[in-house]
Amino acid sequence: MHLFNTLPDWLAHLEKAHPIPVDLGRERCRAVKNALQLAFKCPIITVGGTNGKGSICALLESILLHAGYRVGCHTSPHLLSLNERARVDGEMLSDEALLPHFEAVERARHAFAEPVSLTYFEFTVLAILHSFAARALDAVILEVGLGGRLDAVNIMDTDCAIISSIDLDHIEFLGDTREKIGFEKAGIFRPGKPAICADPLPPRSLVEYAQRIGADLWLAGHDFHCAAQPGCERQQWRYQGRAQARAALAYPALRGANQLLNASAALAALEALRARLPVSARDIRLGLANIHLPGRFQVLPGRPTVVLDVAHNPHAVAALTHNLDQMGFFPETYAVFGAMRDKDIAGMLRCMKGAVQHWHLTDLPAPRAAPAVQIKALLHEMLPVTQTSPVSKRARMDIRCFTNAVDAYSEARARAKENDRIVAFGSFYTVAAVMMGLGPVLN
């Protein structure tokens, strides 16, 4: 049994403790959960989906906190520190607060004749859940890590499940069609419990699974709706659910056109749970107005304009491109981009290539990362080449490669003029590195 005195030591150990980083399946986690006797008396809300999960978690957390509830919120992955994954009452838990719960999980997994091996994600989920269970919370919000059906978070029986959106991502684990992925996401649904789906075109597999197990399925556009308030476009919006209507709502403080749909899904969940977690119109307005989520179309103050977005699949990058279009005219846009090689990098580049004049491609400090030179080759492949002048076309392609994202961003910052724009995207690693390089600017 390994016991450590600091959180960094624990995390360094967990990086190497399990033979593979992703090992889907709930049996090992469920065994340790039972050994820990993990249970909650308060409502649990589980949030899954391809994109928008973190936004919905943050929206729910903000509204519930303004309503005066004690809330535990688990999200993943993190940007700068693991502590971001464990928030209680809106504040990250400290290393000292988490350490006893890491030790509890380590002891619990050794309570068997053969110690239970856990991945980094599984171990940290169990430790965070154990820390939440030690507090008198009124609500717990859990963001799924990957998929849903076999994810470690799904060891807890939810009182309300939310699916944000469904698109192709993690196809090596979840399948190569929306139908296959929809089935995996729907695995967080429970019989007789509210199951909110914010995707306007849900896969049939998701709908059929909900019907088969008897979940109370709420579909966007059928059971709940969102729309701009008549005469108040871009200023106020209206939510309509099965039994509740919320009018004259301010747009969420989170930027991006998709945030209205995310907010309506959060309100549908709160409507479904209103008997246990009632919230007022004032709580909702304050919650929407005061939400903050780093790295989700985050526009920094100052010139040149800097946008940080953890978009890391074509669906998310398409939304990022739309949001960039809504920002108005910028003479030049510089992209700081790095991504994992198992992502659809070509799909992301296709979405963004018309919006970017200067590419600063970066290596990332992860074994799964795609080398910058490999991304450069993909960009060259999709560059339109005329029969008359292929060489001059390629010469105008401004691509630079860097060994780290801080250098890539620093060079973009040095080159960009006051009215230009810099966009850092493609991976949590990319955005996190730029954030660390920015330092006090973010505070």
Protein backbone atom coordinates (compact mmCIF):
# COMPACT_ATOMS: atom_id res chain seq x y z
CA MET A 1 0.00 0.00 0.00
CA HIS A 2 1.32 3.42 -1.01
CA LEU A 3 0.62 6.47 1.18
CA PHE A 4 1.94 9.93 0.36
CA ASN A 5 2.13 13.22 2.24
CA THR A 6 1.45 15.60 -0.63
CA LEU A 7 -1.11 15.75 -3.43
CA PRO A 8 1.56 16.10 -6.17
CA ASP A 9 3.17 12.88 -4.90
CA TRP A 10 -0.20 11.09 -5.04
CA LEU A 11 -0.83 12.29 -8.59
CA ALA A 12 2.64 11.36 -9.78
CA HIS A 13 2.06 7.87 -8.39
CA LEU A 14 -1.38 7.55 -9.99
CA GLU A 15 0.00 8.51 -13.40
CA LYS A 16 1.93 5.20 -13.38
CA ALA A 17 -0.14 2.99 -11.05
CA HIS A 18 -2.51 1.46 -13.63
CA PRO A 19 -1.22 -0.23 -16.78
CA ILE A 20 -3.35 1.87 -19.18
CA PRO A 21 -4.71 5.42 -18.79
CA VAL A 22 -8.27 4.64 -19.98
CA ASP A 23 -9.82 1.38 -18.80
CA LEU A 24 -13.59 1.64 -19.15
CA GLY A 25 -15.79 -0.47 -16.89
CA ARG A 26 -17.50 0.09 -13.56
CA GLU A 27 -16.77 -3.15 -11.72
CA ARG A 28 -13.47 -2.07 -10.13
CA CYS A 29 -14.81 1.34 -9.13
CA ARG A 30 -18.03 -0.12 -7.81
CA ALA A 31 -16.11 -2.56 -5.61
CA VAL A 32 -14.07 0.24 -4.03
CA LYS A 33 -17.17 2.43 -3.72
CA ASN A 34 -18.84 -0.34 -1.70
CA ALA A 35 -15.76 -0.74 0.47
CA LEU A 36 -15.87 3.01 1.15
CA GLN A 37 -19.64 2.78 1.83
CA LEU A 38 -20.16 5.80 -0.42
CA ALA A 39 -23.70 7.14 -0.35
CA PHE A 40 -25.50 10.47 -0.59
CA LYS A 41 -28.81 11.58 0.88
CA CYS A 42 -28.95 14.68 -1.30
CA PRO A 43 -29.90 14.77 -5.02
CA ILE A 44 -27.22 13.83 -7.54
CA ILE A 45 -27.18 15.41 -11.01
CA THR A 46 -24.99 13.66 -13.59
CA VAL A 47 -23.99 15.53 -16.73
CA GLY A 48 -22.69 13.84 -19.88
CA GLY A 49 -22.37 14.65 -23.56
CA THR A 50 -19.74 15.46 -26.19
CA ASN A 51 -19.53 19.24 -25.68
CA GLY A 52 -21.11 21.60 -23.15
CA LYS A 53 -20.87 19.34 -20.09
CA GLY A 54 -18.69 21.75 -18.13
CA SER A 55 -20.91 24.71 -19.00
CA ILE A 56 -24.05 22.93 -17.77
CA CYS A 57 -22.31 21.90 -14.54
CA ALA A 58 -21.20 25.49 -13.95
CA LEU A 59 -24.69 26.84 -14.71
CA LEU A 60 -26.34 24.44 -12.27
CA GLU A 61 -23.72 25.12 -9.61
CA SER A 62 -24.09 28.90 -9.93
CA ILE A 63 -27.90 28.86 -9.71
CA LEU A 64 -27.99 26.44 -6.77
CA LEU A 65 -25.35 28.43 -4.87
CA HIS A 66 -27.33 31.64 -5.34
CA ALA A 67 -30.36 29.76 -4.00
CA GLY A 68 -28.40 29.13 -0.79
CA TYR A 69 -27.69 25.42 -1.23
CA ARG A 70 -24.46 23.69 -0.29
CA VAL A 71 -23.18 22.21 -3.54
CA GLY A 72 -20.42 19.77 -4.43
CA CYS A 73 -19.32 19.82 -8.07
CA HIS A 74 -16.95 17.38 -9.78
CA THR A 75 -15.71 18.28 -13.27
CA SER A 76 -12.96 17.01 -15.55
CA PRO A 77 -10.43 17.43 -16.96
CA HIS A 78 -8.73 20.32 -15.21
CA LEU A 79 -6.68 23.15 -16.68
CA LEU A 80 -4.07 24.10 -14.07
CA SER A 81 -4.57 21.86 -11.02
CA LEU A 82 -6.54 18.78 -10.05
CA ASN A 83 -8.22 20.83 -7.32
CA GLU A 84 -10.38 22.39 -10.04
CA ARG A 85 -12.19 19.04 -10.28
CA ALA A 86 -13.46 19.25 -6.70
CA ARG A 87 -15.49 22.32 -5.74
CA VAL A 88 -17.60 22.75 -2.62
CA ASP A 89 -19.69 25.90 -2.25
CA GLY A 90 -18.02 27.26 -5.35
CA GLU A 91 -14.47 26.93 -4.01
CA MET A 92 -11.81 24.41 -4.97
CA LEU A 93 -10.87 22.00 -2.21
CA SER A 94 -7.32 22.46 -0.98
CA ASP A 95 -4.60 19.81 -1.10
CA GLU A 96 -4.96 19.38 2.64
CA ALA A 97 -8.71 18.84 2.36
CA LEU A 98 -8.26 16.16 -0.32
CA LEU A 99 -5.36 14.18 1.18
CA PRO A 100 -7.39 12.15 3.76
CA HIS A 101 -9.74 11.00 1.01
CA PHE A 102 -6.91 9.84 -1.25
CA GLU A 103 -5.67 7.78 1.69
CA ALA A 104 -9.20 6.41 2.28
CA VAL A 105 -9.43 5.21 -1.34
CA GLU A 106 -5.97 3.61 -1.13
CA ARG A 107 -6.97 1.72 2.02
CA ALA A 108 -10.31 0.69 0.52
CA ARG A 109 -8.78 -0.76 -2.64
CA HIS A 110 -6.47 -2.85 -0.46
CA ALA A 111 -9.40 -4.26 1.51
CA PHE A 112 -9.57 -7.15 -0.97
CA ALA A 113 -7.49 -10.31 -1.25
CA GLU A 114 -6.10 -8.83 -4.46
CA PRO A 115 -5.85 -5.00 -4.39
CA VAL A 116 -8.13 -3.32 -6.92
CA SER A 117 -6.20 -1.45 -9.60
CA LEU A 118 -7.61 1.97 -10.49
CA THR A 119 -6.81 4.47 -13.23
CA TYR A 120 -5.86 8.06 -12.40
CA PHE A 121 -9.40 9.19 -13.26
CA GLU A 122 -11.12 6.42 -11.29
CA PHE A 123 -8.99 6.98 -8.18
CA THR A 124 -9.50 10.75 -8.19
CA VAL A 125 -13.26 10.42 -8.80
CA LEU A 126 -13.58 8.11 -5.79
CA ALA A 127 -11.48 10.42 -3.60
CA ILE A 128 -13.55 13.46 -4.58
CA LEU A 129 -16.83 11.60 -4.04
CA HIS A 130 -15.58 10.49 -0.63
CA SER A 131 -14.73 14.10 0.24
CA PHE A 132 -18.22 15.23 -0.83
CA ALA A 133 -19.86 12.48 1.22
CA ALA A 134 -18.06 13.73 4.34
CA ARG A 135 -19.86 17.07 4.03
CA ALA A 136 -23.50 17.94 4.60
CA LEU A 137 -24.29 18.88 1.00
CA ASP A 138 -27.67 19.74 -0.48
CA ALA A 139 -26.76 18.76 -4.05
CA VAL A 140 -23.96 17.00 -5.91
CA ILE A 141 -23.15 17.67 -9.58
CA LEU A 142 -21.01 15.10 -11.40
CA GLU A 143 -19.51 15.58 -14.86
CA VAL A 144 -18.89 12.39 -16.83
CA GLY A 145 -15.32 11.85 -17.94
CA LEU A 146 -15.72 9.74 -21.08
CA GLY A 147 -18.91 8.32 -22.54
CA GLY A 148 -21.29 7.51 -19.72
CA ARG A 149 -22.33 3.87 -19.48
CA LEU A 150 -18.88 2.61 -18.43
CA ASP A 151 -17.54 5.83 -16.88
CA ALA A 152 -16.40 5.88 -13.25
CA VAL A 153 -18.88 8.66 -12.39
CA ASN A 154 -21.71 6.30 -13.35
CA ILE A 155 -21.19 4.18 -10.24
CA MET A 156 -23.50 6.66 -8.51
CA ASP A 157 -27.22 6.37 -9.19
CA THR A 158 -28.27 9.78 -10.38
CA ASP A 159 -31.48 11.60 -9.51
CA CYS A 160 -31.34 13.51 -12.79
CA ALA A 161 -29.18 12.88 -15.86
CA ILE A 162 -28.36 15.49 -18.51
CA ILE A 163 -26.91 14.89 -21.98
CA SER A 164 -25.59 18.14 -23.49
CA SER A 165 -24.81 17.17 -27.08
CA ILE A 166 -23.78 14.11 -29.06
CA ASP A 167 -21.14 14.08 -31.75
CA LEU A 168 -18.16 12.03 -32.90
CA ASP A 169 -15.36 12.00 -30.32
CA HIS A 170 -13.38 9.26 -28.56
CA ILE A 171 -14.53 6.93 -31.35
CA GLU A 172 -11.94 4.30 -30.37
CA PHE A 173 -13.81 3.86 -27.07
CA LEU A 174 -17.40 4.86 -27.86
CA GLY A 175 -17.97 3.90 -31.50
CA ASP A 176 -17.76 5.59 -34.87
CA THR A 177 -21.39 6.73 -35.30
CA ARG A 178 -23.72 9.04 -33.39
CA GLU A 179 -26.01 6.07 -32.77
CA LYS A 180 -23.27 4.09 -31.04
CA ILE A 181 -22.08 7.12 -29.08
CA GLY A 182 -25.66 8.08 -28.15
CA PHE A 183 -26.18 4.65 -26.60
CA GLU A 184 -23.01 5.02 -24.52
CA LYS A 185 -24.00 8.51 -23.35
CA ALA A 186 -27.52 7.34 -22.43
CA GLY A 187 -26.00 4.85 -19.98
CA ILE A 188 -26.22 7.51 -17.24
CA PHE A 189 -30.06 7.45 -17.44
CA ARG A 190 -31.92 5.67 -14.63
CA PRO A 191 -35.39 4.08 -14.54
CA GLY A 192 -38.09 6.51 -13.42
CA LYS A 193 -35.64 9.43 -13.12
CA PRO A 194 -35.53 12.61 -15.25
CA ALA A 195 -33.27 12.27 -18.31
CA ILE A 196 -32.66 15.64 -20.00
CA CYS A 197 -31.35 15.69 -23.58
CA ALA A 198 -30.29 19.09 -24.94
CA ASP A 199 -29.23 17.78 -28.35
CA PRO A 200 -31.83 19.05 -30.85
CA LEU A 201 -31.41 15.87 -32.95
CA PRO A 202 -30.90 13.04 -30.47
CA PRO A 203 -29.84 9.65 -31.85
CA ARG A 204 -32.60 7.06 -31.93
CA SER A 205 -30.43 4.80 -29.78
CA LEU A 206 -30.64 7.34 -26.91
CA VAL A 207 -34.42 7.71 -27.17
CA GLU A 208 -34.98 3.96 -27.38
CA TYR A 209 -32.71 3.26 -24.40
CA ALA A 210 -34.57 5.81 -22.28
CA GLN A 211 -37.90 4.25 -23.27
CA ARG A 212 -36.64 0.71 -22.65
CA ILE A 213 -35.53 1.39 -19.07
CA GLY A 214 -38.45 3.69 -18.27
CA ALA A 215 -36.50 6.91 -17.80
CA ASP A 216 -38.46 10.18 -17.77
CA LEU A 217 -37.04 11.58 -21.01
CA TRP A 218 -37.10 15.37 -21.57
CA LEU A 219 -36.22 16.36 -25.14
CA ALA A 220 -35.14 19.84 -26.27
CA GLY A 221 -37.77 21.32 -28.55
CA HIS A 222 -40.45 18.99 -27.21
CA ASP A 223 -40.43 19.02 -23.39
CA PHE A 224 -38.49 22.25 -22.94
CA HIS A 225 -37.75 25.23 -25.15
CA CYS A 226 -35.63 28.37 -25.19
CA ALA A 227 -36.13 31.46 -27.32
CA ALA A 228 -35.18 35.12 -27.43
CA GLN A 229 -37.71 37.31 -25.63
CA PRO A 230 -39.85 39.09 -28.28
CA GLY A 231 -38.58 42.62 -28.78
CA CYS A 232 -35.49 41.92 -26.64
CA GLU A 233 -33.30 39.91 -29.00
CA ARG A 234 -29.75 39.41 -27.68
CA GLN A 235 -30.79 40.92 -24.35
CA GLN A 236 -33.32 38.58 -22.76
CA TRP A 237 -34.60 35.08 -23.36
CA ARG A 238 -37.43 32.83 -22.23
CA TYR A 239 -37.48 29.25 -20.95
CA GLN A 240 -40.58 27.08 -21.28
CA GLY A 241 -40.69 23.65 -19.67
CA ARG A 242 -43.41 21.14 -19.02
CA ALA A 243 -44.95 23.09 -16.17
CA GLN A 244 -42.72 26.10 -15.59
CA ALA A 245 -42.00 29.18 -17.66
CA ARG A 246 -39.18 31.61 -16.94
CA ALA A 247 -39.35 34.93 -18.77
CA ALA A 248 -37.10 37.99 -19.04
CA LEU A 249 -33.92 36.00 -18.32
CA ALA A 250 -30.55 37.60 -18.97
CA TYR A 251 -28.27 35.73 -21.33
CA PRO A 252 -25.72 33.55 -19.50
CA ALA A 253 -22.45 35.30 -18.71
CA LEU A 254 -20.70 32.48 -20.58
CA ARG A 255 -20.01 33.53 -24.16
CA GLY A 256 -21.14 31.56 -27.19
CA ALA A 257 -24.35 30.92 -29.11
CA ASN A 258 -24.68 27.38 -27.72
CA GLN A 259 -24.88 28.58 -24.11
CA LEU A 260 -28.61 29.31 -24.39
CA LEU A 261 -29.31 25.65 -25.08
CA ASN A 262 -26.99 24.64 -22.22
CA ALA A 263 -28.84 27.01 -19.89
CA SER A 264 -32.23 25.63 -20.92
CA ALA A 265 -31.04 22.09 -20.16
CA ALA A 266 -29.93 23.23 -16.69
CA LEU A 267 -33.34 24.86 -16.10
CA ALA A 268 -35.11 21.70 -17.30
CA ALA A 269 -33.16 19.69 -14.74
CA LEU A 270 -34.03 22.14 -11.98
CA GLU A 271 -37.69 22.03 -13.05
CA ALA A 272 -37.62 18.23 -12.88
CA LEU A 273 -36.08 18.41 -9.37
CA ARG A 274 -38.14 21.36 -8.13
CA ALA A 275 -39.75 19.35 -5.31
CA ARG A 276 -36.31 18.71 -3.77
CA LEU A 277 -34.31 21.73 -4.97
CA PRO A 278 -36.68 24.65 -5.47
CA VAL A 279 -35.12 27.79 -6.94
CA SER A 280 -36.62 31.23 -7.49
CA ALA A 281 -36.54 33.45 -10.57
CA ARG A 282 -34.08 35.67 -8.72
CA ASP A 283 -31.76 32.70 -8.06
CA ILE A 284 -31.79 31.85 -11.77
CA ARG A 285 -31.11 35.42 -12.87
CA LEU A 286 -28.22 35.81 -10.44
CA GLY A 287 -26.85 32.38 -11.32
CA LEU A 288 -26.86 33.11 -15.04
CA ALA A 289 -25.31 36.53 -14.60
CA ASN A 290 -22.48 35.50 -12.28
CA ILE A 291 -21.17 32.32 -13.86
CA HIS A 292 -17.51 32.01 -14.80
CA LEU A 293 -15.85 29.07 -16.55
CA PRO A 294 -12.23 29.49 -17.67
CA GLY A 295 -11.24 28.28 -21.11
CA ARG A 296 -14.72 28.20 -22.66
CA PHE A 297 -14.71 30.94 -25.27
CA GLN A 298 -12.95 33.09 -22.71
CA VAL A 299 -12.15 36.52 -24.13
CA LEU A 300 -9.40 38.29 -22.22
CA PRO A 301 -9.40 42.07 -21.69
CA GLY A 302 -6.91 44.22 -23.55
CA ARG A 303 -5.39 44.40 -27.03
CA PRO A 304 -4.82 42.39 -29.11
CA THR A 305 -7.92 40.36 -28.40
CA VAL A 306 -7.10 36.93 -26.95
CA VAL A 307 -9.61 34.06 -26.99
CA LEU A 308 -9.09 30.83 -25.00
CA ASP A 309 -11.25 27.82 -25.86
CA VAL A 310 -10.75 24.13 -25.01
CA ALA A 311 -12.58 23.06 -28.21
CA HIS A 312 -10.95 19.75 -29.14
CA ASN A 313 -13.25 18.08 -31.67
CA PRO A 314 -14.88 19.27 -34.91
CA HIS A 315 -18.29 19.85 -33.29
CA ALA A 316 -16.78 22.14 -30.66
CA VAL A 317 -14.48 23.89 -33.14
CA ALA A 318 -17.45 24.56 -35.45
CA ALA A 319 -19.15 26.31 -32.51
CA LEU A 320 -15.92 28.22 -31.80
CA THR A 321 -15.74 29.35 -35.43
CA HIS A 322 -19.35 30.56 -35.28
CA ASN A 323 -18.62 32.48 -32.09
CA LEU A 324 -15.52 34.05 -33.64
CA ASP A 325 -17.60 35.17 -36.62
CA GLN A 326 -19.95 36.98 -34.24
CA MET A 327 -17.09 39.03 -32.75
CA GLY A 328 -16.78 41.37 -35.72
CA PHE A 329 -13.85 42.20 -37.98
CA PHE A 330 -10.20 41.61 -37.11
CA PRO A 331 -7.48 42.29 -39.71
CA GLU A 332 -5.49 39.16 -38.79
CA THR A 333 -6.19 36.11 -36.63
CA TYR A 334 -3.36 34.07 -35.11
CA ALA A 335 -4.14 30.51 -33.97
CA VAL A 336 -2.16 28.75 -31.24
CA PHE A 337 -3.09 25.13 -31.82
CA GLY A 338 -2.04 21.77 -30.42
CA ALA A 339 -4.06 18.56 -30.21
CA MET A 340 -4.03 14.88 -29.36
CA ARG A 341 -3.22 12.61 -32.31
CA ASP A 342 -6.29 10.41 -31.66
CA LYS A 343 -8.57 13.41 -32.31
CA ASP A 344 -10.02 14.36 -35.68
CA ILE A 345 -7.36 17.01 -36.25
CA ALA A 346 -8.15 17.38 -39.94
CA GLY A 347 -11.82 17.99 -39.09
CA MET A 348 -10.88 20.71 -36.60
CA LEU A 349 -8.55 22.40 -39.07
CA ARG A 350 -11.21 22.35 -41.81
CA CYS A 351 -13.59 24.20 -39.49
CA MET A 352 -11.05 26.91 -38.68
CA LYS A 353 -8.83 27.34 -41.72
CA GLY A 354 -10.95 30.08 -43.27
CA ALA A 355 -10.86 32.11 -40.04
CA VAL A 356 -7.08 31.98 -39.44
CA GLN A 357 -4.28 33.72 -41.32
CA HIS A 358 -1.36 32.67 -39.09
CA TRP A 359 -0.93 29.22 -37.53
CA HIS A 360 1.34 28.74 -34.51
CA LEU A 361 1.37 24.97 -34.06
CA THR A 362 2.73 23.45 -30.89
CA ASP A 363 3.91 20.16 -29.47
CA LEU A 364 2.20 19.23 -26.20
CA PRO A 365 3.60 17.50 -23.07
CA ALA A 366 1.54 14.31 -23.42
CA PRO A 367 2.30 10.92 -25.00
CA ARG A 368 -0.94 11.14 -27.04
CA ALA A 369 -0.09 14.54 -28.51
CA ALA A 370 0.34 15.04 -32.25
CA PRO A 371 3.68 16.62 -33.21
CA ALA A 372 3.38 20.14 -34.58
CA VAL A 373 5.07 19.07 -37.82
CA GLN A 374 2.37 16.44 -38.35
CA ILE A 375 -0.36 19.07 -37.96
CA LYS A 376 1.55 21.30 -40.39
CA ALA A 377 1.44 18.52 -42.99
CA LEU A 378 -2.33 18.23 -42.58
CA LEU A 379 -2.73 21.97 -43.12
CA HIS A 380 -0.70 21.82 -46.29
CA GLU A 381 -2.82 18.93 -47.58
CA MET A 382 -6.03 20.93 -47.31
CA LEU A 383 -4.57 24.17 -48.69
CA PRO A 384 -6.31 25.02 -52.00
CA VAL A 385 -3.72 24.84 -54.78
CA THR A 386 -4.32 26.40 -58.19
CA GLN A 387 -2.99 24.78 -61.35
CA THR A 388 -1.31 28.01 -62.37
CA SER A 389 0.70 28.74 -59.25
CA PRO A 390 0.86 25.97 -56.64
CA VAL A 391 4.20 27.18 -55.24
CA SER A 392 3.08 30.75 -54.61
CA LYS A 393 -0.11 29.49 -52.96
CA ARG A 394 1.89 27.41 -50.50
CA ALA A 395 4.31 30.24 -49.88
CA ARG A 396 1.49 32.39 -48.58
CA MET A 397 0.57 29.78 -45.95
CA ASP A 398 1.93 31.20 -42.67
CA ILE A 399 2.65 28.19 -40.46
CA ARG A 400 5.18 28.08 -37.64
CA CYS A 401 5.97 25.15 -35.36
CA PHE A 402 6.98 25.33 -31.69
CA THR A 403 8.05 22.87 -29.04
CA ASN A 404 5.67 24.30 -26.43
CA ALA A 405 2.50 26.38 -26.29
CA VAL A 406 4.02 29.20 -24.22
CA ASP A 407 6.56 29.94 -26.95
CA ALA A 408 3.86 29.62 -29.62
CA TYR A 409 1.67 32.14 -27.80
CA SER A 410 4.55 34.51 -27.02
CA GLU A 411 5.52 34.65 -30.69
CA ALA A 412 1.90 35.25 -31.71
CA ARG A 413 1.66 38.02 -29.14
CA ALA A 414 4.84 39.64 -30.45
CA ARG A 415 3.62 39.52 -34.05
CA ALA A 416 -0.03 40.50 -33.57
CA LYS A 417 -0.97 44.16 -33.94
CA GLU A 418 -3.33 45.96 -31.58
CA ASN A 419 -6.47 45.26 -33.63
CA ASP A 420 -5.63 41.62 -34.38
CA ARG A 421 -6.86 38.49 -32.60
CA ILE A 422 -5.16 35.45 -31.06
CA VAL A 423 -7.12 32.21 -30.55
CA ALA A 424 -5.66 29.38 -28.44
CA PHE A 425 -7.57 26.10 -28.85
CA GLY A 426 -7.34 22.39 -29.66
CA SER A 427 -6.69 20.78 -26.27
CA PHE A 428 -6.89 21.44 -22.55
CA TYR A 429 -3.08 21.17 -22.59
CA THR A 430 -2.85 24.01 -25.13
CA VAL A 431 -5.10 26.37 -23.20
CA ALA A 432 -3.57 25.44 -19.84
CA ALA A 433 -0.05 26.18 -21.09
CA VAL A 434 -1.12 29.57 -22.45
CA MET A 435 -2.87 30.34 -19.16
CA MET A 436 0.31 29.55 -17.24
CA GLY A 437 2.26 31.77 -19.59
CA LEU A 438 -0.21 34.61 -19.08
CA GLY A 439 0.13 34.44 -15.30
CA PRO A 440 -1.23 37.55 -13.53
CA VAL A 441 -3.07 38.71 -16.69
CA LEU A 442 -5.82 36.20 -15.90
CA ASN A 443 -6.35 37.42 -12.34
